[in-house]
N, C-alpha and C. Protein backbone atom coordinates (compact mmCIF):
# COMPACT_ATOMS: atom_id res chain seq x y z
N UNK A 1 112.86 225.42 220.68
CA UNK A 1 112.24 226.33 219.75
C UNK A 1 111.18 225.58 218.99
N UNK A 2 110.06 226.15 218.90
CA UNK A 2 108.98 225.53 218.17
C UNK A 2 108.82 226.22 216.83
N UNK A 3 108.75 225.45 215.78
CA UNK A 3 108.69 226.02 214.44
C UNK A 3 107.39 226.77 214.20
N UNK A 4 106.34 226.44 214.94
CA UNK A 4 105.06 227.06 214.69
C UNK A 4 104.80 228.34 215.48
N UNK A 5 105.66 228.73 216.37
CA UNK A 5 105.41 229.93 217.15
C UNK A 5 105.91 231.16 216.44
N UNK A 6 105.20 232.25 216.67
CA UNK A 6 105.57 233.51 216.03
C UNK A 6 106.51 234.27 216.95
N UNK A 7 107.43 235.05 216.37
CA UNK A 7 108.37 235.83 217.18
C UNK A 7 109.64 235.05 217.43
N UNK A 8 110.49 235.63 218.25
CA UNK A 8 111.75 234.95 218.53
C UNK A 8 111.56 233.95 219.66
N UNK A 9 112.25 232.83 219.58
CA UNK A 9 112.10 231.82 220.61
C UNK A 9 112.69 232.29 221.93
N UNK A 10 112.11 231.80 223.00
CA UNK A 10 112.63 232.10 224.32
C UNK A 10 114.07 231.62 224.41
N UNK A 11 114.94 232.43 224.96
CA UNK A 11 116.33 232.04 225.12
C UNK A 11 117.23 232.37 223.94
N UNK A 12 116.67 232.92 222.88
CA UNK A 12 117.49 233.24 221.72
C UNK A 12 118.63 234.19 222.07
N UNK A 13 118.32 235.24 222.81
CA UNK A 13 119.34 236.25 223.12
C UNK A 13 120.41 235.66 224.03
N UNK A 14 120.00 235.05 225.14
CA UNK A 14 120.98 234.49 226.09
C UNK A 14 121.80 233.38 225.42
N UNK A 15 121.12 232.46 224.75
CA UNK A 15 121.83 231.36 224.08
C UNK A 15 122.80 231.86 223.04
N UNK A 16 122.39 232.87 222.27
CA UNK A 16 123.27 233.42 221.24
C UNK A 16 124.46 234.14 221.85
N UNK A 17 124.23 234.89 222.93
CA UNK A 17 125.33 235.57 223.61
C UNK A 17 126.36 234.57 224.14
N UNK A 18 125.87 233.48 224.72
CA UNK A 18 126.77 232.43 225.23
C UNK A 18 127.55 231.81 224.07
N UNK A 19 126.86 231.47 222.99
CA UNK A 19 127.52 230.83 221.85
C UNK A 19 128.54 231.77 221.19
N UNK A 20 128.17 233.04 221.05
CA UNK A 20 129.12 234.00 220.45
C UNK A 20 130.34 234.15 221.35
N UNK A 21 130.12 234.22 222.65
CA UNK A 21 131.25 234.36 223.59
C UNK A 21 132.19 233.17 223.52
N UNK A 22 131.62 231.97 223.63
CA UNK A 22 132.47 230.77 223.60
C UNK A 22 133.07 230.55 222.22
N UNK A 23 132.34 230.89 221.16
CA UNK A 23 132.90 230.78 219.81
C UNK A 23 134.12 231.67 219.66
N UNK A 24 134.01 232.89 220.18
CA UNK A 24 135.13 233.83 220.11
C UNK A 24 136.32 233.30 220.91
N UNK A 25 136.07 232.77 222.08
CA UNK A 25 137.15 232.21 222.90
C UNK A 25 137.81 231.04 222.18
N UNK A 26 137.02 230.14 221.60
CA UNK A 26 137.58 229.02 220.86
C UNK A 26 138.53 229.52 219.76
N UNK A 27 138.11 230.54 219.02
CA UNK A 27 138.94 231.05 217.92
C UNK A 27 140.18 231.75 218.45
N UNK A 28 140.02 232.65 219.41
CA UNK A 28 141.16 233.43 219.90
C UNK A 28 142.22 232.55 220.56
N UNK A 29 141.79 231.63 221.40
CA UNK A 29 142.73 230.80 222.16
C UNK A 29 143.42 229.76 221.29
N UNK A 30 142.70 229.18 220.34
CA UNK A 30 143.22 228.02 219.62
C UNK A 30 143.84 228.33 218.27
N UNK A 31 143.92 229.59 217.91
CA UNK A 31 144.58 229.93 216.64
C UNK A 31 146.05 230.30 216.84
N UNK A 32 146.50 230.40 218.07
CA UNK A 32 147.85 230.86 218.36
C UNK A 32 148.96 229.91 217.97
N UNK A 33 148.67 228.63 217.79
CA UNK A 33 149.72 227.67 217.48
C UNK A 33 150.05 227.57 216.00
N UNK A 34 149.45 228.40 215.19
CA UNK A 34 149.70 228.36 213.74
C UNK A 34 150.83 229.29 213.36
N UNK A 35 151.37 229.08 212.17
CA UNK A 35 152.42 229.97 211.66
C UNK A 35 151.82 231.32 211.29
N UNK A 36 152.61 232.37 211.45
CA UNK A 36 152.19 233.72 211.07
C UNK A 36 151.93 233.73 209.57
N UNK A 37 150.97 234.44 209.13
CA UNK A 37 150.11 235.44 209.77
C UNK A 37 148.78 234.87 210.24
N UNK A 38 148.61 233.53 210.22
CA UNK A 38 147.31 232.92 210.47
C UNK A 38 146.70 233.21 211.83
N UNK A 39 147.46 233.25 212.92
CA UNK A 39 146.80 233.60 214.18
C UNK A 39 146.11 234.97 214.12
N UNK A 40 146.80 235.95 213.57
CA UNK A 40 146.20 237.29 213.47
C UNK A 40 145.00 237.28 212.53
N UNK A 41 145.13 236.63 211.39
CA UNK A 41 144.03 236.59 210.42
C UNK A 41 142.79 235.94 211.04
N UNK A 42 142.98 234.79 211.68
CA UNK A 42 141.85 234.07 212.27
C UNK A 42 141.25 234.84 213.44
N UNK A 43 142.08 235.47 214.24
CA UNK A 43 141.57 236.23 215.38
C UNK A 43 140.77 237.45 214.92
N UNK A 44 141.28 238.17 213.94
CA UNK A 44 140.55 239.33 213.41
C UNK A 44 139.24 238.87 212.77
N UNK A 45 139.30 237.80 211.98
CA UNK A 45 138.09 237.28 211.33
C UNK A 45 137.08 236.83 212.39
N UNK A 46 137.54 236.15 213.43
CA UNK A 46 136.65 235.70 214.50
C UNK A 46 135.98 236.87 215.21
N UNK A 47 136.76 237.90 215.49
CA UNK A 47 136.20 239.08 216.15
C UNK A 47 135.19 239.79 215.25
N UNK A 48 135.49 239.88 213.96
CA UNK A 48 134.55 240.51 213.03
C UNK A 48 133.25 239.73 212.93
N UNK A 49 133.34 238.41 212.86
CA UNK A 49 132.14 237.58 212.82
C UNK A 49 131.34 237.75 214.11
N UNK A 50 132.03 237.76 215.24
CA UNK A 50 131.33 237.93 216.53
C UNK A 50 130.59 239.27 216.58
N UNK A 51 131.23 240.33 216.13
CA UNK A 51 130.58 241.65 216.13
C UNK A 51 129.38 241.65 215.18
N UNK A 52 129.54 241.08 214.00
CA UNK A 52 128.44 241.00 213.04
C UNK A 52 127.26 240.23 213.63
N UNK A 53 127.54 239.11 214.28
CA UNK A 53 126.48 238.32 214.90
C UNK A 53 125.80 239.09 216.04
N UNK A 54 126.59 239.81 216.84
CA UNK A 54 126.00 240.61 217.93
C UNK A 54 125.07 241.69 217.39
N UNK A 55 125.51 242.39 216.36
CA UNK A 55 124.69 243.44 215.76
C UNK A 55 123.39 242.83 215.23
N UNK A 56 123.51 241.72 214.52
CA UNK A 56 122.33 241.05 213.97
C UNK A 56 121.41 240.56 215.08
N UNK A 57 121.98 239.98 216.13
CA UNK A 57 121.19 239.50 217.26
C UNK A 57 120.37 240.63 217.87
N UNK A 58 120.98 241.76 218.13
CA UNK A 58 120.25 242.83 218.78
C UNK A 58 119.24 243.48 217.84
N UNK A 59 119.48 243.44 216.55
CA UNK A 59 118.47 243.92 215.59
C UNK A 59 117.26 242.99 215.60
N UNK A 60 117.52 241.69 215.54
CA UNK A 60 116.43 240.71 215.55
C UNK A 60 115.68 240.77 216.87
N UNK A 61 116.40 240.79 217.97
CA UNK A 61 115.77 240.80 219.29
C UNK A 61 114.98 242.08 219.53
N UNK A 62 115.44 243.18 218.97
CA UNK A 62 114.78 244.45 219.19
C UNK A 62 113.45 244.59 218.47
N UNK A 63 113.24 243.82 217.42
CA UNK A 63 112.00 243.99 216.68
C UNK A 63 111.02 242.84 216.84
N UNK A 64 111.41 241.81 217.55
CA UNK A 64 110.54 240.66 217.73
C UNK A 64 110.14 240.51 219.19
N UNK A 65 109.02 239.82 219.39
CA UNK A 65 108.58 239.51 220.75
C UNK A 65 108.93 238.06 221.04
N UNK A 66 109.09 237.75 222.29
CA UNK A 66 109.41 236.37 222.67
C UNK A 66 108.25 235.45 222.39
N UNK A 67 108.58 234.24 222.01
CA UNK A 67 107.56 233.21 221.86
C UNK A 67 107.11 232.80 223.26
N UNK A 68 105.94 232.21 223.35
CA UNK A 68 105.47 231.79 224.67
C UNK A 68 106.43 230.81 225.33
N UNK A 69 106.57 230.93 226.65
CA UNK A 69 107.45 230.03 227.40
C UNK A 69 106.91 228.61 227.34
N UNK A 70 107.79 227.65 227.35
CA UNK A 70 107.41 226.25 227.40
C UNK A 70 107.57 225.75 228.82
N UNK A 71 107.39 224.46 228.95
CA UNK A 71 107.48 223.82 230.25
C UNK A 71 108.87 223.95 230.87
N UNK A 72 109.93 223.86 230.06
CA UNK A 72 111.29 223.94 230.58
C UNK A 72 111.56 225.35 231.10
N UNK A 73 112.33 225.44 232.15
CA UNK A 73 112.58 226.73 232.79
C UNK A 73 113.97 227.26 232.47
N UNK A 74 114.50 226.90 231.32
CA UNK A 74 115.79 227.43 230.92
C UNK A 74 116.89 227.09 231.90
N UNK A 75 117.59 228.11 232.36
CA UNK A 75 118.72 227.90 233.27
C UNK A 75 118.26 227.49 234.67
N UNK A 76 116.97 227.58 234.94
CA UNK A 76 116.45 227.17 236.25
C UNK A 76 116.04 225.69 236.26
N UNK A 77 116.02 225.07 235.13
CA UNK A 77 115.64 223.67 235.01
C UNK A 77 116.73 222.78 235.61
N UNK A 78 116.36 221.90 236.50
CA UNK A 78 117.36 221.03 237.15
C UNK A 78 118.03 220.11 236.16
N UNK A 79 117.35 219.77 235.06
CA UNK A 79 117.96 218.93 234.03
C UNK A 79 119.11 219.66 233.35
N UNK A 80 118.98 220.96 233.19
CA UNK A 80 120.07 221.76 232.63
C UNK A 80 121.30 221.64 233.53
N UNK A 81 121.08 221.80 234.84
CA UNK A 81 122.20 221.75 235.78
C UNK A 81 122.82 220.36 235.85
N UNK A 82 122.02 219.33 235.63
CA UNK A 82 122.57 217.97 235.57
C UNK A 82 123.49 217.82 234.36
N UNK A 83 123.05 218.33 233.20
CA UNK A 83 123.88 218.29 232.00
C UNK A 83 125.19 219.04 232.23
N UNK A 84 125.10 220.23 232.83
CA UNK A 84 126.29 221.04 233.09
C UNK A 84 127.22 220.34 234.09
N UNK A 85 126.65 219.73 235.12
CA UNK A 85 127.48 219.04 236.11
C UNK A 85 128.22 217.86 235.47
N UNK A 86 127.52 217.08 234.66
CA UNK A 86 128.17 215.96 233.98
C UNK A 86 129.25 216.46 233.03
N UNK A 87 128.98 217.57 232.35
CA UNK A 87 129.98 218.17 231.46
C UNK A 87 131.22 218.58 232.25
N UNK A 88 131.03 219.22 233.39
CA UNK A 88 132.16 219.68 234.20
C UNK A 88 133.01 218.50 234.68
N UNK A 89 132.35 217.45 235.13
CA UNK A 89 133.08 216.26 235.60
C UNK A 89 133.88 215.65 234.44
N UNK A 90 133.23 215.51 233.28
CA UNK A 90 133.92 214.94 232.11
C UNK A 90 135.08 215.82 231.67
N UNK A 91 134.85 217.14 231.65
CA UNK A 91 135.93 218.05 231.24
C UNK A 91 137.12 217.96 232.19
N UNK A 92 136.85 218.14 233.47
CA UNK A 92 137.95 218.16 234.45
C UNK A 92 138.64 216.81 234.56
N UNK A 93 137.85 215.75 234.61
CA UNK A 93 138.45 214.41 234.70
C UNK A 93 139.28 214.07 233.48
N UNK A 94 138.72 214.31 232.31
CA UNK A 94 139.43 214.02 231.06
C UNK A 94 140.68 214.86 230.89
N UNK A 95 140.57 216.16 231.19
CA UNK A 95 141.74 217.03 231.07
C UNK A 95 142.84 216.64 232.05
N UNK A 96 142.44 216.19 233.23
CA UNK A 96 143.43 215.74 234.21
C UNK A 96 144.20 214.53 233.68
N UNK A 97 143.47 213.59 233.10
CA UNK A 97 144.12 212.40 232.54
C UNK A 97 145.00 212.78 231.34
N UNK A 98 144.46 213.61 230.45
CA UNK A 98 145.20 214.00 229.25
C UNK A 98 146.49 214.73 229.61
N UNK A 99 146.40 215.67 230.55
CA UNK A 99 147.56 216.49 230.89
C UNK A 99 148.51 215.84 231.89
N UNK A 100 147.97 215.17 232.91
CA UNK A 100 148.81 214.67 234.00
C UNK A 100 149.21 213.21 233.86
N UNK A 101 148.38 212.39 233.25
CA UNK A 101 148.69 210.97 233.13
C UNK A 101 149.30 210.67 231.76
N UNK A 102 148.64 211.12 230.71
CA UNK A 102 149.10 210.82 229.36
C UNK A 102 150.13 211.82 228.84
N UNK A 103 150.21 212.98 229.48
CA UNK A 103 151.11 214.05 229.06
C UNK A 103 150.94 214.38 227.57
N UNK A 104 149.69 214.64 227.19
CA UNK A 104 149.35 214.98 225.80
C UNK A 104 148.54 216.27 225.75
N UNK A 105 149.10 217.38 226.20
CA UNK A 105 148.33 218.63 226.22
C UNK A 105 147.88 219.10 224.84
N UNK A 106 148.51 218.61 223.79
CA UNK A 106 148.12 219.02 222.44
C UNK A 106 146.70 218.60 222.09
N UNK A 107 146.18 217.55 222.75
CA UNK A 107 144.82 217.09 222.45
C UNK A 107 143.79 217.56 223.47
N UNK A 108 144.20 218.44 224.37
CA UNK A 108 143.25 218.94 225.38
C UNK A 108 142.05 219.61 224.71
N UNK A 109 142.29 220.43 223.72
CA UNK A 109 141.18 221.11 223.05
C UNK A 109 140.29 220.11 222.32
N UNK A 110 140.85 219.02 221.83
CA UNK A 110 140.03 217.99 221.18
C UNK A 110 139.07 217.38 222.20
N UNK A 111 139.58 217.14 223.41
CA UNK A 111 138.72 216.61 224.47
C UNK A 111 137.62 217.61 224.83
N UNK A 112 137.98 218.87 224.95
CA UNK A 112 136.99 219.90 225.25
C UNK A 112 135.90 219.92 224.17
N UNK A 113 136.30 219.82 222.91
CA UNK A 113 135.34 219.84 221.81
C UNK A 113 134.40 218.64 221.87
N UNK A 114 134.93 217.46 222.17
CA UNK A 114 134.08 216.27 222.27
C UNK A 114 133.08 216.44 223.41
N UNK A 115 133.55 216.84 224.57
CA UNK A 115 132.67 216.95 225.74
C UNK A 115 131.61 218.04 225.53
N UNK A 116 132.03 219.19 225.04
CA UNK A 116 131.07 220.26 224.80
C UNK A 116 130.07 219.83 223.72
N UNK A 117 130.56 219.15 222.70
CA UNK A 117 129.66 218.64 221.67
C UNK A 117 128.62 217.69 222.25
N UNK A 118 129.05 216.74 223.06
CA UNK A 118 128.12 215.78 223.67
C UNK A 118 127.13 216.50 224.59
N UNK A 119 127.58 217.53 225.29
CA UNK A 119 126.66 218.23 226.20
C UNK A 119 125.51 218.88 225.44
N UNK A 120 125.74 219.24 224.16
CA UNK A 120 124.66 219.84 223.38
C UNK A 120 123.54 218.84 223.09
N UNK A 121 123.84 217.55 223.07
CA UNK A 121 122.77 216.56 222.91
C UNK A 121 121.83 216.60 224.12
N UNK A 122 122.40 216.72 225.31
CA UNK A 122 121.57 216.84 226.50
C UNK A 122 120.74 218.11 226.49
N UNK A 123 121.37 219.22 226.10
CA UNK A 123 120.64 220.49 226.05
C UNK A 123 119.55 220.46 224.98
N UNK A 124 119.80 219.79 223.86
CA UNK A 124 118.78 219.66 222.81
C UNK A 124 117.54 218.99 223.37
N UNK A 125 117.75 217.98 224.20
CA UNK A 125 116.62 217.27 224.81
C UNK A 125 115.92 218.13 225.86
N UNK A 126 116.69 218.75 226.73
CA UNK A 126 116.12 219.56 227.81
C UNK A 126 115.34 220.75 227.28
N UNK A 127 115.89 221.41 226.27
CA UNK A 127 115.29 222.66 225.78
C UNK A 127 114.54 222.50 224.47
N UNK A 128 114.35 221.29 223.97
CA UNK A 128 113.63 221.06 222.72
C UNK A 128 114.22 221.88 221.57
N UNK A 129 115.52 221.77 221.39
CA UNK A 129 116.20 222.54 220.34
C UNK A 129 116.96 221.61 219.41
N UNK A 130 116.32 221.18 218.31
CA UNK A 130 116.98 220.25 217.38
C UNK A 130 118.30 220.79 216.82
N UNK A 131 118.42 222.10 216.68
CA UNK A 131 119.67 222.68 216.18
C UNK A 131 120.86 222.25 217.05
N UNK A 132 120.61 222.08 218.35
CA UNK A 132 121.69 221.69 219.25
C UNK A 132 122.20 220.27 218.96
N UNK A 133 121.36 219.41 218.40
CA UNK A 133 121.84 218.07 218.02
C UNK A 133 122.86 218.18 216.91
N UNK A 134 122.56 219.02 215.93
CA UNK A 134 123.50 219.22 214.82
C UNK A 134 124.79 219.86 215.32
N UNK A 135 124.65 220.88 216.16
CA UNK A 135 125.84 221.54 216.71
C UNK A 135 126.67 220.55 217.51
N UNK A 136 126.02 219.76 218.34
CA UNK A 136 126.73 218.76 219.14
C UNK A 136 127.46 217.74 218.28
N UNK A 137 126.81 217.29 217.22
CA UNK A 137 127.44 216.31 216.32
C UNK A 137 128.66 216.91 215.62
N UNK A 138 128.53 218.16 215.17
CA UNK A 138 129.65 218.81 214.49
C UNK A 138 130.82 219.02 215.45
N UNK A 139 130.53 219.51 216.65
CA UNK A 139 131.62 219.78 217.61
C UNK A 139 132.29 218.48 218.06
N UNK A 140 131.50 217.46 218.33
CA UNK A 140 132.10 216.17 218.73
C UNK A 140 132.95 215.61 217.60
N UNK A 141 132.47 215.73 216.36
CA UNK A 141 133.25 215.25 215.21
C UNK A 141 134.55 216.03 215.05
N UNK A 142 134.50 217.34 215.27
CA UNK A 142 135.72 218.14 215.19
C UNK A 142 136.70 217.75 216.30
N UNK A 143 136.18 217.43 217.47
CA UNK A 143 137.04 216.96 218.55
C UNK A 143 137.69 215.63 218.21
N UNK A 144 136.88 214.70 217.70
CA UNK A 144 137.43 213.40 217.31
C UNK A 144 138.45 213.55 216.18
N UNK A 145 138.18 214.47 215.25
CA UNK A 145 139.14 214.72 214.17
C UNK A 145 140.47 215.23 214.73
N UNK A 146 140.41 216.03 215.78
CA UNK A 146 141.64 216.49 216.42
C UNK A 146 142.46 215.34 216.98
N UNK A 147 141.78 214.38 217.62
CA UNK A 147 142.48 213.20 218.12
C UNK A 147 143.11 212.40 216.97
N UNK A 148 142.36 212.25 215.89
CA UNK A 148 142.85 211.47 214.75
C UNK A 148 144.08 212.12 214.12
N UNK A 149 144.00 213.45 213.85
CA UNK A 149 145.16 214.08 213.20
C UNK A 149 146.37 214.09 214.12
N UNK A 150 146.15 214.18 215.42
CA UNK A 150 147.28 214.11 216.36
C UNK A 150 147.90 212.72 216.31
N UNK A 151 147.06 211.69 216.27
CA UNK A 151 147.57 210.32 216.19
C UNK A 151 148.34 210.09 214.89
N UNK A 152 147.99 210.84 213.86
CA UNK A 152 148.68 210.72 212.57
C UNK A 152 149.92 211.61 212.49
N UNK A 153 150.24 212.32 213.58
CA UNK A 153 151.47 213.09 213.62
C UNK A 153 151.32 214.60 213.60
N UNK A 154 150.11 215.11 213.53
CA UNK A 154 149.92 216.57 213.51
C UNK A 154 150.24 217.16 214.88
N UNK A 155 150.68 218.40 214.86
CA UNK A 155 151.03 219.09 216.10
C UNK A 155 149.85 219.82 216.72
N UNK A 156 150.15 220.48 217.82
CA UNK A 156 149.12 221.19 218.58
C UNK A 156 148.43 222.29 217.77
N UNK A 157 149.18 222.96 216.89
CA UNK A 157 148.58 224.01 216.07
C UNK A 157 147.48 223.48 215.16
N UNK A 158 147.72 222.34 214.56
CA UNK A 158 146.72 221.73 213.67
C UNK A 158 145.52 221.24 214.46
N UNK A 159 145.78 220.61 215.61
CA UNK A 159 144.68 220.16 216.47
C UNK A 159 143.85 221.37 216.92
N UNK A 160 144.53 222.45 217.29
CA UNK A 160 143.83 223.67 217.70
C UNK A 160 142.99 224.26 216.58
N UNK A 161 143.52 224.21 215.37
CA UNK A 161 142.77 224.72 214.22
C UNK A 161 141.50 223.90 214.00
N UNK A 162 141.65 222.59 213.97
CA UNK A 162 140.51 221.73 213.68
C UNK A 162 139.51 221.72 214.84
N UNK A 163 139.98 221.36 216.02
CA UNK A 163 139.08 221.17 217.15
C UNK A 163 138.70 222.47 217.85
N UNK A 164 139.57 223.46 217.83
CA UNK A 164 139.29 224.71 218.52
C UNK A 164 138.66 225.75 217.63
N UNK A 165 139.39 226.17 216.61
CA UNK A 165 138.86 227.19 215.69
C UNK A 165 137.63 226.63 214.98
N UNK A 166 137.67 225.35 214.62
CA UNK A 166 136.51 224.72 213.98
C UNK A 166 135.27 224.79 214.85
N UNK A 167 135.43 224.53 216.16
CA UNK A 167 134.28 224.61 217.07
C UNK A 167 133.79 226.05 217.22
N UNK A 168 134.71 227.00 217.22
CA UNK A 168 134.29 228.39 217.25
C UNK A 168 133.44 228.73 216.04
N UNK A 169 133.87 228.27 214.87
CA UNK A 169 133.10 228.50 213.64
C UNK A 169 131.74 227.81 213.71
N UNK A 170 131.70 226.61 214.29
CA UNK A 170 130.43 225.89 214.42
C UNK A 170 129.47 226.65 215.34
N UNK A 171 129.98 227.19 216.44
CA UNK A 171 129.13 227.98 217.33
C UNK A 171 128.61 229.23 216.63
N UNK A 172 129.48 229.90 215.88
CA UNK A 172 129.04 231.08 215.12
C UNK A 172 127.96 230.68 214.11
N UNK A 173 128.16 229.57 213.42
CA UNK A 173 127.19 229.11 212.42
C UNK A 173 125.84 228.79 213.07
N UNK A 174 125.87 228.19 214.26
CA UNK A 174 124.62 227.87 214.96
C UNK A 174 123.85 229.15 215.30
N UNK A 175 124.56 230.18 215.73
CA UNK A 175 123.90 231.46 216.03
C UNK A 175 123.30 232.03 214.75
N UNK A 176 124.06 232.01 213.67
CA UNK A 176 123.56 232.54 212.40
C UNK A 176 122.30 231.79 211.96
N UNK A 177 122.28 230.48 212.10
CA UNK A 177 121.10 229.69 211.73
C UNK A 177 119.91 230.01 212.64
N UNK A 178 120.16 230.14 213.93
CA UNK A 178 119.07 230.47 214.86
C UNK A 178 118.48 231.85 214.54
N UNK A 179 119.34 232.80 214.20
CA UNK A 179 118.86 234.14 213.85
C UNK A 179 118.07 234.09 212.54
N UNK A 180 118.57 233.36 211.58
CA UNK A 180 117.85 233.21 210.31
C UNK A 180 116.47 232.61 210.54
N UNK A 181 116.40 231.57 211.36
CA UNK A 181 115.12 230.92 211.65
C UNK A 181 114.18 231.87 212.38
N UNK A 182 114.70 232.67 213.30
CA UNK A 182 113.86 233.64 214.03
C UNK A 182 113.27 234.67 213.07
N UNK A 183 114.07 235.13 212.14
CA UNK A 183 113.58 236.11 211.16
C UNK A 183 112.51 235.47 210.27
N UNK A 184 112.74 234.24 209.85
CA UNK A 184 111.75 233.53 209.01
C UNK A 184 110.44 233.32 209.75
N UNK A 185 110.53 232.92 211.02
CA UNK A 185 109.31 232.70 211.82
C UNK A 185 108.53 234.00 211.99
N UNK A 186 109.24 235.08 212.21
CA UNK A 186 108.59 236.37 212.41
C UNK A 186 107.89 236.83 211.13
N UNK A 187 108.44 236.47 209.98
CA UNK A 187 107.86 236.89 208.71
C UNK A 187 106.65 236.02 208.31
N UNK A 188 106.55 234.84 208.90
CA UNK A 188 105.48 233.90 208.53
C UNK A 188 104.13 234.33 209.09
């Protein structure tokens, strides 16, 4: 995204839809290990935030024009696929070790958060999106925090809250910031 271009940046809709989807999954899947009523509260809150973001996204997208395309070809860029391939290898390899060798399934979501966070650094470079560096740093930190609290004796529910629900909230926040920036650029 270029700060000087007018209109919404290319990829705003697709990127936001992906982030809202994965944010919702992070919240729904990883809130289940908490004591009642928290799973229901977090799931309802996550769904409400997702709906609010979707409504806002389609309002913003409906009134703005796309910014000019840059050199990168989005999902067609081979660098994107390299980042995704490395992410898949790290996810599958790490989860195999965590679950089958170390027998520590409680930290699986922490590993997912670290890997997904790191992959955003690659995407930030490929797509010229500084926001992705911040998102990547936050998600990786939430993943590392999950490992730390587990090492200190916390259970799977706490790890899921920090590394899973926390990453869902981070993805939602990134969409909200991208939408805010798109509205500001359009008004400039």
